[in-house]
Amino acid sequence: MQDTTSLTVQTSHGRIAVETRGTGFPVVFIHGNSACGAVFQKQMTSPLLEGYHLISFDLPGHGDSDDALDPERIYSRPGLADLVMELLGELDISYA
């Protein structure tokens, strides 16, 4: 089993705390309101997900990520989608 890597990624929405593990097809875990990426700890360490590139992160204002730089921009469905797309780009993950 591969180790989990923790990193911080600077985005236009603020600094985002990220955990990744593995290589292969990317699987992105997005937590709900008032939670953080740690809710996916069992999935991130599951031997059933070997062979995948697992990505868990804390949304702005949650966990170890910064508060949203522009709350009106980020705290909406389009803002959250923009964050995910930007984060994947910063992690050099193709989504097209």
N, C-alpha and C. Protein backbone atom coordinates (compact mmCIF):
# COMPACT_ATOMS: atom_id res chain seq x y z
N MET A 1 0.85 -1.19 0.00
CA MET A 1 0.00 0.00 0.00
C MET A 1 0.89 1.24 0.00
N GLN A 2 0.53 2.21 -0.82
CA GLN A 2 1.31 3.43 -0.93
C GLN A 2 0.95 4.38 0.21
N ASP A 3 1.92 5.25 0.52
CA ASP A 3 1.71 6.25 1.56
C ASP A 3 0.85 7.40 1.04
N THR A 4 0.18 8.05 1.97
CA THR A 4 -0.59 9.25 1.64
C THR A 4 0.33 10.45 1.75
N THR A 5 0.21 11.36 0.78
CA THR A 5 1.00 12.59 0.76
C THR A 5 0.11 13.77 1.10
N SER A 6 0.53 14.58 2.05
CA SER A 6 -0.19 15.79 2.41
C SER A 6 0.53 16.99 1.82
N LEU A 7 -0.24 17.91 1.24
CA LEU A 7 0.36 19.12 0.68
C LEU A 7 -0.64 20.26 0.74
N THR A 8 -0.13 21.45 0.52
CA THR A 8 -0.97 22.64 0.46
C THR A 8 -0.83 23.22 -0.94
N VAL A 9 -1.95 23.53 -1.56
CA VAL A 9 -1.96 24.05 -2.92
C VAL A 9 -2.54 25.47 -2.89
N GLN A 10 -1.79 26.41 -3.43
CA GLN A 10 -2.28 27.79 -3.52
C GLN A 10 -3.20 27.91 -4.72
N THR A 11 -4.43 28.40 -4.49
CA THR A 11 -5.39 28.63 -5.57
C THR A 11 -5.89 30.06 -5.47
N SER A 12 -6.66 30.48 -6.44
CA SER A 12 -7.25 31.82 -6.38
C SER A 12 -8.33 31.91 -5.30
N HIS A 13 -8.70 30.77 -4.72
CA HIS A 13 -9.69 30.72 -3.65
C HIS A 13 -9.03 30.69 -2.28
N GLY A 14 -7.71 30.57 -2.23
CA GLY A 14 -6.96 30.47 -0.98
C GLY A 14 -6.11 29.21 -0.99
N ARG A 15 -5.39 28.99 0.12
CA ARG A 15 -4.58 27.78 0.26
C ARG A 15 -5.49 26.61 0.61
N ILE A 16 -5.31 25.51 -0.13
CA ILE A 16 -6.16 24.33 0.05
C ILE A 16 -5.31 23.16 0.53
N ALA A 17 -5.73 22.55 1.64
CA ALA A 17 -5.05 21.37 2.18
C ALA A 17 -5.52 20.14 1.40
N VAL A 18 -4.55 19.36 0.91
CA VAL A 18 -4.84 18.22 0.03
C VAL A 18 -4.12 16.98 0.54
N GLU A 19 -4.74 15.84 0.40
CA GLU A 19 -4.08 14.54 0.61
C GLU A 19 -4.24 13.74 -0.67
N THR A 20 -3.17 13.10 -1.11
CA THR A 20 -3.23 12.25 -2.29
C THR A 20 -2.56 10.92 -1.97
N ARG A 21 -2.97 9.91 -2.73
CA ARG A 21 -2.35 8.59 -2.60
C ARG A 21 -2.52 7.85 -3.90
N GLY A 22 -1.48 7.18 -4.32
CA GLY A 22 -1.54 6.29 -5.46
C GLY A 22 -1.39 6.97 -6.81
N THR A 23 -1.48 6.13 -7.82
CA THR A 23 -1.41 6.58 -9.20
C THR A 23 -2.52 5.86 -9.97
N GLY A 24 -2.80 6.34 -11.14
CA GLY A 24 -3.84 5.73 -11.95
C GLY A 24 -4.98 6.69 -12.15
N PHE A 25 -6.16 6.15 -12.42
CA PHE A 25 -7.34 6.96 -12.67
C PHE A 25 -7.66 7.80 -11.42
N PRO A 26 -7.84 9.12 -11.57
CA PRO A 26 -8.08 9.96 -10.39
C PRO A 26 -9.50 9.79 -9.84
N VAL A 27 -9.58 9.74 -8.52
CA VAL A 27 -10.85 9.72 -7.80
C VAL A 27 -10.79 10.87 -6.80
N VAL A 28 -11.73 11.82 -6.92
CA VAL A 28 -11.74 13.00 -6.06
C VAL A 28 -12.87 12.87 -5.04
N PHE A 29 -12.51 13.01 -3.78
CA PHE A 29 -13.49 12.97 -2.69
C PHE A 29 -13.77 14.40 -2.24
N ILE A 30 -15.05 14.80 -2.23
CA ILE A 30 -15.44 16.15 -1.83
C ILE A 30 -16.38 16.03 -0.64
N HIS A 31 -15.97 16.59 0.49
CA HIS A 31 -16.78 16.48 1.71
C HIS A 31 -17.94 17.46 1.70
N GLY A 32 -18.87 17.25 2.61
CA GLY A 32 -20.02 18.13 2.76
C GLY A 32 -19.74 19.29 3.70
N ASN A 33 -20.76 20.10 3.93
CA ASN A 33 -20.65 21.26 4.79
C ASN A 33 -20.31 20.85 6.22
N SER A 34 -19.48 21.64 6.85
CA SER A 34 -19.06 21.45 8.25
C SER A 34 -18.27 20.16 8.46
N ALA A 35 -17.64 19.64 7.42
CA ALA A 35 -16.77 18.47 7.53
C ALA A 35 -15.39 18.85 6.98
N CYS A 36 -14.56 17.86 6.74
CA CYS A 36 -13.26 18.09 6.12
C CYS A 36 -12.85 16.80 5.42
N GLY A 37 -11.74 16.86 4.70
CA GLY A 37 -11.29 15.72 3.93
C GLY A 37 -11.01 14.48 4.77
N ALA A 38 -10.80 14.66 6.07
CA ALA A 38 -10.52 13.52 6.95
C ALA A 38 -11.67 12.52 6.99
N VAL A 39 -12.88 12.93 6.60
CA VAL A 39 -14.00 11.98 6.61
C VAL A 39 -13.78 10.85 5.61
N PHE A 40 -12.83 11.02 4.71
CA PHE A 40 -12.54 9.99 3.71
C PHE A 40 -11.30 9.16 4.07
N GLN A 41 -10.90 9.17 5.33
CA GLN A 41 -9.68 8.46 5.74
C GLN A 41 -9.75 6.97 5.40
N LYS A 42 -10.88 6.33 5.62
CA LYS A 42 -10.99 4.90 5.31
C LYS A 42 -10.86 4.64 3.82
N GLN A 43 -11.45 5.50 3.00
CA GLN A 43 -11.34 5.34 1.56
C GLN A 43 -9.89 5.58 1.11
N MET A 44 -9.24 6.57 1.71
CA MET A 44 -7.88 6.93 1.31
C MET A 44 -6.88 5.80 1.64
N THR A 45 -7.20 4.98 2.60
CA THR A 45 -6.28 3.91 3.00
C THR A 45 -6.78 2.52 2.62
N SER A 46 -7.88 2.45 1.91
CA SER A 46 -8.47 1.15 1.57
C SER A 46 -7.66 0.41 0.51
N PRO A 47 -7.33 -0.86 0.77
CA PRO A 47 -6.64 -1.65 -0.26
C PRO A 47 -7.52 -1.89 -1.49
N LEU A 48 -8.84 -1.72 -1.35
CA LEU A 48 -9.74 -1.88 -2.49
C LEU A 48 -9.53 -0.79 -3.55
N LEU A 49 -8.92 0.32 -3.16
CA LEU A 49 -8.73 1.43 -4.09
C LEU A 49 -7.29 1.53 -4.58
N GLU A 50 -6.51 0.47 -4.39
CA GLU A 50 -5.16 0.43 -4.98
C GLU A 50 -5.31 0.56 -6.50
N GLY A 51 -4.39 1.24 -7.12
CA GLY A 51 -4.45 1.41 -8.58
C GLY A 51 -5.19 2.66 -9.01
N TYR A 52 -5.66 3.45 -8.04
CA TYR A 52 -6.32 4.72 -8.32
C TYR A 52 -5.50 5.86 -7.72
N HIS A 53 -5.64 7.04 -8.29
CA HIS A 53 -5.03 8.25 -7.72
C HIS A 53 -6.10 8.92 -6.87
N LEU A 54 -6.01 8.73 -5.56
CA LEU A 54 -7.02 9.23 -4.63
C LEU A 54 -6.68 10.64 -4.19
N ILE A 55 -7.68 11.52 -4.21
CA ILE A 55 -7.47 12.93 -3.86
C ILE A 55 -8.58 13.35 -2.91
N SER A 56 -8.19 13.82 -1.75
CA SER A 56 -9.11 14.34 -0.75
C SER A 56 -8.62 15.73 -0.37
N PHE A 57 -9.51 16.67 -0.15
CA PHE A 57 -9.07 18.01 0.21
C PHE A 57 -10.09 18.67 1.12
N ASP A 58 -9.64 19.72 1.80
CA ASP A 58 -10.52 20.51 2.66
C ASP A 58 -11.01 21.71 1.87
N LEU A 59 -12.31 21.87 1.78
CA LEU A 59 -12.87 23.04 1.13
C LEU A 59 -12.47 24.30 1.89
N PRO A 60 -12.48 25.46 1.24
CA PRO A 60 -12.16 26.70 1.95
C PRO A 60 -13.04 26.88 3.18
N GLY A 61 -12.41 27.31 4.27
CA GLY A 61 -13.14 27.50 5.52
C GLY A 61 -13.35 26.22 6.31
N HIS A 62 -12.76 25.13 5.86
CA HIS A 62 -12.90 23.83 6.52
C HIS A 62 -11.52 23.22 6.76
N GLY A 63 -11.41 22.40 7.80
CA GLY A 63 -10.17 21.67 8.05
C GLY A 63 -8.96 22.57 8.08
N ASP A 64 -7.92 22.17 7.34
CA ASP A 64 -6.66 22.91 7.33
C ASP A 64 -6.54 23.89 6.17
N SER A 65 -7.60 24.08 5.40
CA SER A 65 -7.58 25.06 4.31
C SER A 65 -7.85 26.45 4.87
N ASP A 66 -7.39 27.46 4.11
CA ASP A 66 -7.67 28.85 4.48
C ASP A 66 -9.16 29.14 4.38
N ASP A 67 -9.59 30.19 5.05
CA ASP A 67 -10.93 30.70 4.83
C ASP A 67 -11.01 31.20 3.39
N ALA A 68 -12.18 31.24 2.84
CA ALA A 68 -12.37 31.70 1.46
C ALA A 68 -11.90 33.14 1.33
N LEU A 69 -11.11 33.40 0.30
CA LEU A 69 -10.66 34.76 0.05
C LEU A 69 -11.82 35.66 -0.35
N ASP A 70 -12.78 35.10 -1.08
CA ASP A 70 -13.97 35.83 -1.53
C ASP A 70 -15.18 34.93 -1.31
N PRO A 71 -15.78 35.01 -0.11
CA PRO A 71 -16.89 34.10 0.21
C PRO A 71 -18.04 34.13 -0.79
N GLU A 72 -18.37 35.29 -1.32
CA GLU A 72 -19.47 35.35 -2.29
C GLU A 72 -19.14 34.58 -3.56
N ARG A 73 -17.86 34.52 -3.89
CA ARG A 73 -17.42 33.80 -5.09
C ARG A 73 -17.39 32.29 -4.86
N ILE A 74 -16.83 31.85 -3.75
CA ILE A 74 -16.57 30.42 -3.56
C ILE A 74 -17.79 29.67 -3.02
N TYR A 75 -18.57 30.28 -2.13
CA TYR A 75 -19.65 29.54 -1.49
C TYR A 75 -20.91 29.52 -2.34
N SER A 76 -20.75 28.93 -3.52
CA SER A 76 -21.85 28.70 -4.45
C SER A 76 -21.47 27.47 -5.26
N ARG A 77 -22.43 26.85 -5.91
CA ARG A 77 -22.09 25.68 -6.73
C ARG A 77 -21.08 26.01 -7.82
N PRO A 78 -21.27 27.11 -8.57
CA PRO A 78 -20.26 27.44 -9.59
C PRO A 78 -18.89 27.74 -8.98
N GLY A 79 -18.87 28.39 -7.81
CA GLY A 79 -17.60 28.69 -7.15
C GLY A 79 -16.88 27.43 -6.70
N LEU A 80 -17.62 26.50 -6.13
CA LEU A 80 -17.02 25.24 -5.70
C LEU A 80 -16.54 24.42 -6.90
N ALA A 81 -17.30 24.43 -7.98
CA ALA A 81 -16.87 23.73 -9.20
C ALA A 81 -15.59 24.35 -9.74
N ASP A 82 -15.52 25.69 -9.71
CA ASP A 82 -14.31 26.37 -10.17
C ASP A 82 -13.11 25.99 -9.31
N LEU A 83 -13.31 25.90 -8.01
CA LEU A 83 -12.23 25.49 -7.12
C LEU A 83 -11.73 24.10 -7.48
N VAL A 84 -12.63 23.16 -7.66
CA VAL A 84 -12.23 21.78 -7.98
C VAL A 84 -11.46 21.74 -9.29
N MET A 85 -11.94 22.43 -10.30
CA MET A 85 -11.25 22.45 -11.60
C MET A 85 -9.86 23.07 -11.47
N GLU A 86 -9.78 24.18 -10.74
CA GLU A 86 -8.48 24.84 -10.55
C GLU A 86 -7.54 23.94 -9.75
N LEU A 87 -8.04 23.30 -8.71
CA LEU A 87 -7.22 22.41 -7.90
C LEU A 87 -6.69 21.24 -8.73
N LEU A 88 -7.54 20.63 -9.54
CA LEU A 88 -7.10 19.53 -10.40
C LEU A 88 -6.02 20.01 -11.37
N GLY A 89 -6.18 21.21 -11.91
CA GLY A 89 -5.17 21.77 -12.79
C GLY A 89 -3.85 21.97 -12.08
N GLU A 90 -3.89 22.48 -10.85
CA GLU A 90 -2.67 22.69 -10.07
C GLU A 90 -1.99 21.36 -9.72
N LEU A 91 -2.78 20.30 -9.61
CA LEU A 91 -2.23 18.97 -9.33
C LEU A 91 -1.83 18.25 -10.63
N ASP A 92 -1.96 18.94 -11.75
CA ASP A 92 -1.61 18.40 -13.06
C ASP A 92 -2.41 17.16 -13.41
N ILE A 93 -3.71 17.22 -13.11
CA ILE A 93 -4.63 16.13 -13.41
C ILE A 93 -5.54 16.57 -14.55
N SER A 94 -5.53 15.80 -15.61
CA SER A 94 -6.36 16.11 -16.77
C SER A 94 -7.78 15.69 -16.49
N TYR A 95 -8.72 16.57 -16.77
CA TYR A 95 -10.13 16.27 -16.54
C TYR A 95 -10.95 16.46 -17.81
N ALA A 96 -10.28 16.72 -18.91
CA ALA A 96 -11.01 16.93 -20.17
C ALA A 96 -11.04 15.68 -21.01
